[in-house]
Amino acid sequence: ELFDRKKNPVVTTKIGAEIIKQAKLTLTET
């Protein structure tokens, strides 16, 4: 899971934060 949906506001999981960091780089390069 990338997000903890049980919390409001939605919280990014630890591994989700790592994936999102890489996703941002990928989108920037794209």
PDB file of all heavy atoms in Angstrom:
ATOM      1  N   GLU A   1       0.839  -1.203   0.000  1.00  0.00           N
ATOM      2  CA  GLU A   1       0.000   0.000   0.000  1.00  0.00           C
ATOM      3  C   GLU A   1       0.871   1.248   0.000  1.00  0.00           C
ATOM      4  O   GLU A   1       1.888   1.309   0.691  1.00  0.00           O
ATOM      5  CB  GLU A   1      -0.914   0.005   1.219  1.00  0.00           C
ATOM      6  CG  GLU A   1      -1.993  -1.057   1.148  1.00  0.00           C
ATOM      7  CD  GLU A   1      -2.991  -0.953   2.291  1.00  0.00           C
ATOM      8  OE1 GLU A   1      -2.755  -0.162   3.234  1.00  0.00           O
ATOM      9  OE2 GLU A   1      -3.997  -1.665   2.234  1.00  0.00           O
ATOM     10  N   LEU A   2       0.450   2.230  -0.762  1.00  0.00           N
ATOM     11  CA  LEU A   2       1.146   3.500  -0.830  1.00  0.00           C
ATOM     12  C   LEU A   2       0.570   4.511   0.156  1.00  0.00           C
ATOM     13  O   LEU A   2       1.266   5.442   0.567  1.00  0.00           O
ATOM     14  CB  LEU A   2       1.062   4.073  -2.250  1.00  0.00           C
ATOM     15  CG  LEU A   2       1.643   3.181  -3.344  1.00  0.00           C
ATOM     16  CD1 LEU A   2       1.346   3.767  -4.720  1.00  0.00           C
ATOM     17  CD2 LEU A   2       3.131   2.990  -3.151  1.00  0.00           C
ATOM     18  N   PHE A   3      -0.702   4.311   0.514  1.00  0.00           N
ATOM     19  CA  PHE A   3      -1.392   5.256   1.395  1.00  0.00           C
ATOM     20  C   PHE A   3      -2.129   4.523   2.506  1.00  0.00           C
ATOM     21  O   PHE A   3      -2.662   3.436   2.289  1.00  0.00           O
ATOM     22  CB  PHE A   3      -2.410   6.083   0.591  1.00  0.00           C
ATOM     23  CG  PHE A   3      -1.790   6.862  -0.537  1.00  0.00           C
ATOM     24  CD1 PHE A   3      -1.885   6.411  -1.831  1.00  0.00           C
ATOM     25  CD2 PHE A   3      -1.102   8.028  -0.284  1.00  0.00           C
ATOM     26  CE1 PHE A   3      -1.309   7.115  -2.880  1.00  0.00           C
ATOM     27  CE2 PHE A   3      -0.509   8.741  -1.315  1.00  0.00           C
ATOM     28  CZ  PHE A   3      -0.608   8.290  -2.617  1.00  0.00           C
ATOM     29  N   ASP A   4      -2.165   5.149   3.672  1.00  0.00           N
ATOM     30  CA  ASP A   4      -2.988   4.664   4.780  1.00  0.00           C
ATOM     31  C   ASP A   4      -4.327   5.361   4.652  1.00  0.00           C
ATOM     32  O   ASP A   4      -4.460   6.546   4.973  1.00  0.00           O
ATOM     33  CB  ASP A   4      -2.324   4.983   6.121  1.00  0.00           C
ATOM     34  CG  ASP A   4      -3.109   4.443   7.304  1.00  0.00           C
ATOM     35  OD1 ASP A   4      -4.262   3.987   7.110  1.00  0.00           O
ATOM     36  OD2 ASP A   4      -2.574   4.489   8.423  1.00  0.00           O
ATOM     37  N   ARG A   5      -5.310   4.638   4.152  1.00  0.00           N
ATOM     38  CA  ARG A   5      -6.628   5.214   3.890  1.00  0.00           C
ATOM     39  C   ARG A   5      -7.482   5.333   5.149  1.00  0.00           C
ATOM     40  O   ARG A   5      -8.542   5.936   5.126  1.00  0.00           O
ATOM     41  CB  ARG A   5      -7.362   4.364   2.851  1.00  0.00           C
ATOM     42  CG  ARG A   5      -6.715   4.413   1.481  1.00  0.00           C
ATOM     43  CD  ARG A   5      -7.258   3.288   0.601  1.00  0.00           C
ATOM     44  NE  ARG A   5      -6.787   3.344  -0.761  1.00  0.00           N
ATOM     45  CZ  ARG A   5      -5.607   2.929  -1.184  1.00  0.00           C
ATOM     46  NH1 ARG A   5      -4.742   2.423  -0.320  1.00  0.00           N
ATOM     47  NH2 ARG A   5      -5.274   3.002  -2.459  1.00  0.00           N
ATOM     48  N   LYS A   6      -7.034   4.738   6.244  1.00  0.00           N
ATOM     49  CA  LYS A   6      -7.806   4.775   7.489  1.00  0.00           C
ATOM     50  C   LYS A   6      -7.720   6.139   8.156  1.00  0.00           C
ATOM     51  O   LYS A   6      -8.544   6.470   8.999  1.00  0.00           O
ATOM     52  CB  LYS A   6      -7.311   3.700   8.450  1.00  0.00           C
ATOM     53  CG  LYS A   6      -7.490   2.293   7.932  1.00  0.00           C
ATOM     54  CD  LYS A   6      -6.856   1.288   8.872  1.00  0.00           C
ATOM     55  CE  LYS A   6      -6.730  -0.049   8.171  1.00  0.00           C
ATOM     56  NZ  LYS A   6      -5.371  -0.553   8.180  1.00  0.00           N
ATOM     57  N   LYS A   7      -6.715   6.908   7.796  1.00  0.00           N
ATOM     58  CA  LYS A   7      -6.504   8.215   8.417  1.00  0.00           C
ATOM     59  C   LYS A   7      -7.060   9.315   7.525  1.00  0.00           C
ATOM     60  O   LYS A   7      -7.093   9.198   6.312  1.00  0.00           O
ATOM     61  CB  LYS A   7      -5.029   8.428   8.692  1.00  0.00           C
ATOM     62  CG  LYS A   7      -4.481   7.375   9.639  1.00  0.00           C
ATOM     63  CD  LYS A   7      -3.098   7.683  10.075  1.00  0.00           C
ATOM     64  CE  LYS A   7      -2.674   6.582  11.050  1.00  0.00           C
ATOM     65  NZ  LYS A   7      -1.387   6.788  11.617  1.00  0.00           N
ATOM     66  N   ASN A   8      -7.502  10.369   8.174  1.00  0.00           N
ATOM     67  CA  ASN A   8      -8.006  11.519   7.440  1.00  0.00           C
ATOM     68  C   ASN A   8      -7.337  12.754   8.016  1.00  0.00           C
ATOM     69  O   ASN A   8      -7.529  13.043   9.192  1.00  0.00           O
ATOM     70  CB  ASN A   8      -9.522  11.616   7.562  1.00  0.00           C
ATOM     71  CG  ASN A   8     -10.112  12.590   6.577  1.00  0.00           C
ATOM     72  OD1 ASN A   8      -9.416  13.114   5.725  1.00  0.00           O
ATOM     73  ND2 ASN A   8     -11.392  12.840   6.717  1.00  0.00           N
ATOM     74  N   PRO A   9      -6.520  13.464   7.275  1.00  0.00           N
ATOM     75  CA  PRO A   9      -6.265  13.280   5.853  1.00  0.00           C
ATOM     76  C   PRO A   9      -5.454  12.016   5.576  1.00  0.00           C
ATOM     77  O   PRO A   9      -4.835  11.463   6.474  1.00  0.00           O
ATOM     78  CB  PRO A   9      -5.475  14.534   5.468  1.00  0.00           C
ATOM     79  CG  PRO A   9      -4.840  14.997   6.732  1.00  0.00           C
ATOM     80  CD  PRO A   9      -5.760  14.577   7.840  1.00  0.00           C
ATOM     81  N   VAL A  10      -5.479  11.614   4.313  1.00  0.00           N
ATOM     82  CA  VAL A  10      -4.773  10.409   3.872  1.00  0.00           C
ATOM     83  C   VAL A  10      -3.279  10.571   4.178  1.00  0.00           C
ATOM     84  O   VAL A  10      -2.706  11.635   3.954  1.00  0.00           O
ATOM     85  CB  VAL A  10      -4.985  10.193   2.355  1.00  0.00           C
ATOM     86  CG1 VAL A  10      -4.137   9.057   1.833  1.00  0.00           C
ATOM     87  CG2 VAL A  10      -6.450   9.935   2.069  1.00  0.00           C
ATOM     88  N   VAL A  11      -2.673   9.507   4.688  1.00  0.00           N
ATOM     89  CA  VAL A  11      -1.258   9.531   5.041  1.00  0.00           C
ATOM     90  C   VAL A  11      -0.495   8.587   4.109  1.00  0.00           C
ATOM     91  O   VAL A  11      -0.932   7.463   3.866  1.00  0.00           O
ATOM     92  CB  VAL A  11      -1.061   9.093   6.515  1.00  0.00           C
ATOM     93  CG1 VAL A  11       0.415   9.020   6.865  1.00  0.00           C
ATOM     94  CG2 VAL A  11      -1.804  10.030   7.455  1.00  0.00           C
ATOM     95  N   THR A  12       0.626   9.061   3.615  1.00  0.00           N
ATOM     96  CA  THR A  12       1.480   8.244   2.760  1.00  0.00           C
ATOM     97  C   THR A  12       2.279   7.277   3.638  1.00  0.00           C
ATOM     98  O   THR A  12       2.814   7.679   4.670  1.00  0.00           O
ATOM     99  CB  THR A  12       2.448   9.144   1.969  1.00  0.00           C
ATOM    100  OG1 THR A  12       1.690  10.138   1.277  1.00  0.00           O
ATOM    101  CG2 THR A  12       3.260   8.352   0.973  1.00  0.00           C
ATOM    102  N   THR A  13       2.343   6.022   3.231  1.00  0.00           N
ATOM    103  CA  THR A  13       3.145   5.045   3.972  1.00  0.00           C
ATOM    104  C   THR A  13       4.624   5.343   3.747  1.00  0.00           C
ATOM    105  O   THR A  13       4.987   6.098   2.832  1.00  0.00           O
ATOM    106  CB  THR A  13       2.842   3.606   3.519  1.00  0.00           C
ATOM    107  OG1 THR A  13       3.210   3.464   2.141  1.00  0.00           O
ATOM    108  CG2 THR A  13       1.377   3.245   3.717  1.00  0.00           C
ATOM    109  N   LYS A  14       5.470   4.733   4.551  1.00  0.00           N
ATOM    110  CA  LYS A  14       6.915   4.960   4.416  1.00  0.00           C
ATOM    111  C   LYS A  14       7.402   4.546   3.033  1.00  0.00           C
ATOM    112  O   LYS A  14       8.096   5.307   2.360  1.00  0.00           O
ATOM    113  CB  LYS A  14       7.666   4.190   5.502  1.00  0.00           C
ATOM    114  CG  LYS A  14       9.142   4.445   5.501  1.00  0.00           C
ATOM    115  CD  LYS A  14       9.838   3.735   6.644  1.00  0.00           C
ATOM    116  CE  LYS A  14      11.328   3.996   6.596  1.00  0.00           C
ATOM    117  NZ  LYS A  14      12.045   3.314   7.671  1.00  0.00           N
ATOM    118  N   ILE A  15       7.026   3.365   2.604  1.00  0.00           N
ATOM    119  CA  ILE A  15       7.459   2.915   1.277  1.00  0.00           C
ATOM    120  C   ILE A  15       6.748   3.713   0.182  1.00  0.00           C
ATOM    121  O   ILE A  15       7.308   3.976  -0.875  1.00  0.00           O
ATOM    122  CB  ILE A  15       7.266   1.392   1.083  1.00  0.00           C
ATOM    123  CG1 ILE A  15       8.044   0.925  -0.136  1.00  0.00           C
ATOM    124  CG2 ILE A  15       5.811   1.022   0.986  1.00  0.00           C
ATOM    125  CD1 ILE A  15       8.471  -0.496  -0.096  1.00  0.00           C
ATOM    126  N   GLY A  16       5.523   4.148   0.453  1.00  0.00           N
ATOM    127  CA  GLY A  16       4.801   4.994  -0.489  1.00  0.00           C
ATOM    128  C   GLY A  16       5.533   6.301  -0.734  1.00  0.00           C
ATOM    129  O   GLY A  16       5.608   6.787  -1.872  1.00  0.00           O
ATOM    130  N   ALA A  17       6.119   6.874   0.323  1.00  0.00           N
ATOM    131  CA  ALA A  17       6.873   8.122   0.185  1.00  0.00           C
ATOM    132  C   ALA A  17       8.082   7.925  -0.726  1.00  0.00           C
ATOM    133  O   ALA A  17       8.402   8.803  -1.542  1.00  0.00           O
ATOM    134  CB  ALA A  17       7.306   8.616   1.561  1.00  0.00           C
ATOM    135  N   GLU A  18       8.724   6.769  -0.612  1.00  0.00           N
ATOM    136  CA  GLU A  18       9.875   6.478  -1.473  1.00  0.00           C
ATOM    137  C   GLU A  18       9.445   6.339  -2.930  1.00  0.00           C
ATOM    138  O   GLU A  18      10.114   6.834  -3.844  1.00  0.00           O
ATOM    139  CB  GLU A  18      10.574   5.209  -1.005  1.00  0.00           C
ATOM    140  CG  GLU A  18      11.238   5.344   0.355  1.00  0.00           C
ATOM    141  CD  GLU A  18      11.854   4.048   0.842  1.00  0.00           C
ATOM    142  OE1 GLU A  18      12.369   3.278  -0.006  1.00  0.00           O
ATOM    143  OE2 GLU A  18      11.818   3.806   2.058  1.00  0.00           O
ATOM    144  N   ILE A  19       8.332   5.651  -3.134  1.00  0.00           N
ATOM    145  CA  ILE A  19       7.812   5.465  -4.498  1.00  0.00           C
ATOM    146  C   ILE A  19       7.402   6.805  -5.096  1.00  0.00           C
ATOM    147  O   ILE A  19       7.690   7.100  -6.265  1.00  0.00           O
ATOM    148  CB  ILE A  19       6.625   4.476  -4.501  1.00  0.00           C
ATOM    149  CG1 ILE A  19       7.069   3.084  -4.055  1.00  0.00           C
ATOM    150  CG2 ILE A  19       5.933   4.435  -5.869  1.00  0.00           C
ATOM    151  CD1 ILE A  19       8.065   2.411  -4.970  1.00  0.00           C
ATOM    152  N   ILE A  20       6.739   7.638  -4.306  1.00  0.00           N
ATOM    153  CA  ILE A  20       6.279   8.938  -4.804  1.00  0.00           C
ATOM    154  C   ILE A  20       7.467   9.838  -5.131  1.00  0.00           C
ATOM    155  O   ILE A  20       7.442  10.574  -6.120  1.00  0.00           O
ATOM    156  CB  ILE A  20       5.309   9.584  -3.804  1.00  0.00           C
ATOM    157  CG1 ILE A  20       4.003   8.786  -3.808  1.00  0.00           C
ATOM    158  CG2 ILE A  20       5.053  11.048  -4.140  1.00  0.00           C
ATOM    159  CD1 ILE A  20       3.058   9.105  -2.677  1.00  0.00           C
ATOM    160  N   LYS A  21       8.509   9.760  -4.341  1.00  0.00           N
ATOM    161  CA  LYS A  21       9.723  10.535  -4.636  1.00  0.00           C
ATOM    162  C   LYS A  21      10.258  10.145  -6.012  1.00  0.00           C
ATOM    163  O   LYS A  21      10.585  11.003  -6.829  1.00  0.00           O
ATOM    164  CB  LYS A  21      10.771  10.275  -3.554  1.00  0.00           C
ATOM    165  CG  LYS A  21      12.047  11.041  -3.738  1.00  0.00           C
ATOM    166  CD  LYS A  21      13.017  10.734  -2.607  1.00  0.00           C
ATOM    167  CE  LYS A  21      14.353  11.412  -2.839  1.00  0.00           C
ATOM    168  NZ  LYS A  21      15.322  11.100  -1.778  1.00  0.00           N
ATOM    169  N   GLN A  22      10.311   8.857  -6.289  1.00  0.00           N
ATOM    170  CA  GLN A  22      10.784   8.384  -7.590  1.00  0.00           C
ATOM    171  C   GLN A  22       9.800   8.743  -8.700  1.00  0.00           C
ATOM    172  O   GLN A  22      10.200   9.080  -9.818  1.00  0.00           O
ATOM    173  CB  GLN A  22      11.023   6.873  -7.563  1.00  0.00           C
ATOM    174  CG  GLN A  22      11.700   6.337  -8.792  1.00  0.00           C
ATOM    175  CD  GLN A  22      13.087   6.927  -9.012  1.00  0.00           C
ATOM    176  OE1 GLN A  22      13.891   6.988  -8.105  1.00  0.00           O
ATOM    177  NE2 GLN A  22      13.360   7.366 -10.228  1.00  0.00           N
ATOM    178  N   ALA A  23       8.508   8.687  -8.392  1.00  0.00           N
ATOM    179  CA  ALA A  23       7.475   9.047  -9.371  1.00  0.00           C
ATOM    180  C   ALA A  23       7.625  10.506  -9.798  1.00  0.00           C
ATOM    181  O   ALA A  23       7.500  10.830 -10.986  1.00  0.00           O
ATOM    182  CB  ALA A  23       6.085   8.804  -8.794  1.00  0.00           C
ATOM    183  N   LYS A  24       7.911  11.364  -8.848  1.00  0.00           N
ATOM    184  CA  LYS A  24       8.105  12.791  -9.175  1.00  0.00           C
ATOM    185  C   LYS A  24       9.289  12.970 -10.119  1.00  0.00           C
ATOM    186  O   LYS A  24       9.212  13.746 -11.073  1.00  0.00           O
ATOM    187  CB  LYS A  24       8.316  13.602  -7.900  1.00  0.00           C
ATOM    188  CG  LYS A  24       7.054  13.774  -7.082  1.00  0.00           C
ATOM    189  CD  LYS A  24       7.348  14.521  -5.792  1.00  0.00           C
ATOM    190  CE  LYS A  24       6.093  14.687  -4.954  1.00  0.00           C
ATOM    191  NZ  LYS A  24       6.375  15.383  -3.673  1.00  0.00           N
ATOM    192  N   LEU A  25      10.376  12.257  -9.850  1.00  0.00           N
ATOM    193  CA  LEU A  25      11.545  12.328 -10.739  1.00  0.00           C
ATOM    194  C   LEU A  25      11.205  11.809 -12.134  1.00  0.00           C
ATOM    195  O   LEU A  25      11.586  12.407 -13.137  1.00  0.00           O
ATOM    196  CB  LEU A  25      12.704  11.516 -10.154  1.00  0.00           C
ATOM    197  CG  LEU A  25      13.351  12.064  -8.885  1.00  0.00           C
ATOM    198  CD1 LEU A  25      14.340  11.045  -8.321  1.00  0.00           C
ATOM    199  CD2 LEU A  25      14.037  13.383  -9.158  1.00  0.00           C
ATOM    200  N   THR A  26      10.488  10.709 -12.186  1.00  0.00           N
ATOM    201  CA  THR A  26      10.088  10.122 -13.467  1.00  0.00           C
ATOM    202  C   THR A  26       9.215  11.088 -14.259  1.00  0.00           C
ATOM    203  O   THR A  26       9.419  11.276 -15.468  1.00  0.00           O
ATOM    204  CB  THR A  26       9.345   8.795 -13.232  1.00  0.00           C
ATOM    205  OG1 THR A  26      10.217   7.899 -12.539  1.00  0.00           O
ATOM    206  CG2 THR A  26       8.895   8.171 -14.544  1.00  0.00           C
ATOM    207  N   LEU A  27       8.262  11.713 -13.587  1.00  0.00           N
ATOM    208  CA  LEU A  27       7.368  12.654 -14.271  1.00  0.00           C
ATOM    209  C   LEU A  27       8.127  13.895 -14.750  1.00  0.00           C
ATOM    210  O   LEU A  27       7.863  14.405 -15.837  1.00  0.00           O
ATOM    211  CB  LEU A  27       6.208  13.039 -13.353  1.00  0.00           C
ATOM    212  CG  LEU A  27       5.229  11.899 -13.058  1.00  0.00           C
ATOM    213  CD1 LEU A  27       4.246  12.311 -11.959  1.00  0.00           C
ATOM    214  CD2 LEU A  27       4.489  11.464 -14.314  1.00  0.00           C
ATOM    215  N   THR A  28       9.086  14.347 -13.957  1.00  0.00           N
ATOM    216  CA  THR A  28       9.909  15.488 -14.366  1.00  0.00           C
ATOM    217  C   THR A  28      10.719  15.142 -15.606  1.00  0.00           C
ATOM    218  O   THR A  28      10.785  15.927 -16.561  1.00  0.00           O
ATOM    219  CB  THR A  28      10.853  15.917 -13.220  1.00  0.00           C
ATOM    220  OG1 THR A  28      10.059  16.331 -12.109  1.00  0.00           O
ATOM    221  CG2 THR A  28      11.768  17.048 -13.639  1.00  0.00           C
ATOM    222  N   GLU A  29      11.319  13.963 -15.615  1.00  0.00           N
ATOM    223  CA  GLU A  29      12.104  13.539 -16.775  1.00  0.00           C
ATOM    224  C   GLU A  29      11.218  13.345 -18.000  1.00  0.00           C
ATOM    225  O   GLU A  29      11.625  13.644 -19.120  1.00  0.00           O
ATOM    226  CB  GLU A  29      12.894  12.267 -16.453  1.00  0.00           C
ATOM    227  CG  GLU A  29      13.989  12.474 -15.427  1.00  0.00           C
ATOM    228  CD  GLU A  29      15.028  13.497 -15.855  1.00  0.00           C
ATOM    229  OE1 GLU A  29      15.501  13.457 -17.010  1.00  0.00           O
ATOM    230  OE2 GLU A  29      15.358  14.358 -15.018  1.00  0.00           O
ATOM    231  N   THR A  30      10.015  12.842 -17.775  1.00  0.00           N
ATOM    232  CA  THR A  30       9.066  12.666 -18.891  1.00  0.00           C
ATOM    233  C   THR A  30       8.707  14.017 -19.493  1.00  0.00           C
ATOM    234  O   THR A  30       8.650  14.171 -20.726  1.00  0.00           O
ATOM    235  CB  THR A  30       7.802  11.940 -18.404  1.00  0.00           C
ATOM    236  OG1 THR A  30       8.183  10.676 -17.863  1.00  0.00           O
ATOM    237  CG2 THR A  30       6.824  11.733 -19.554  1.00  0.00           C
TER     238      THR A  30
END
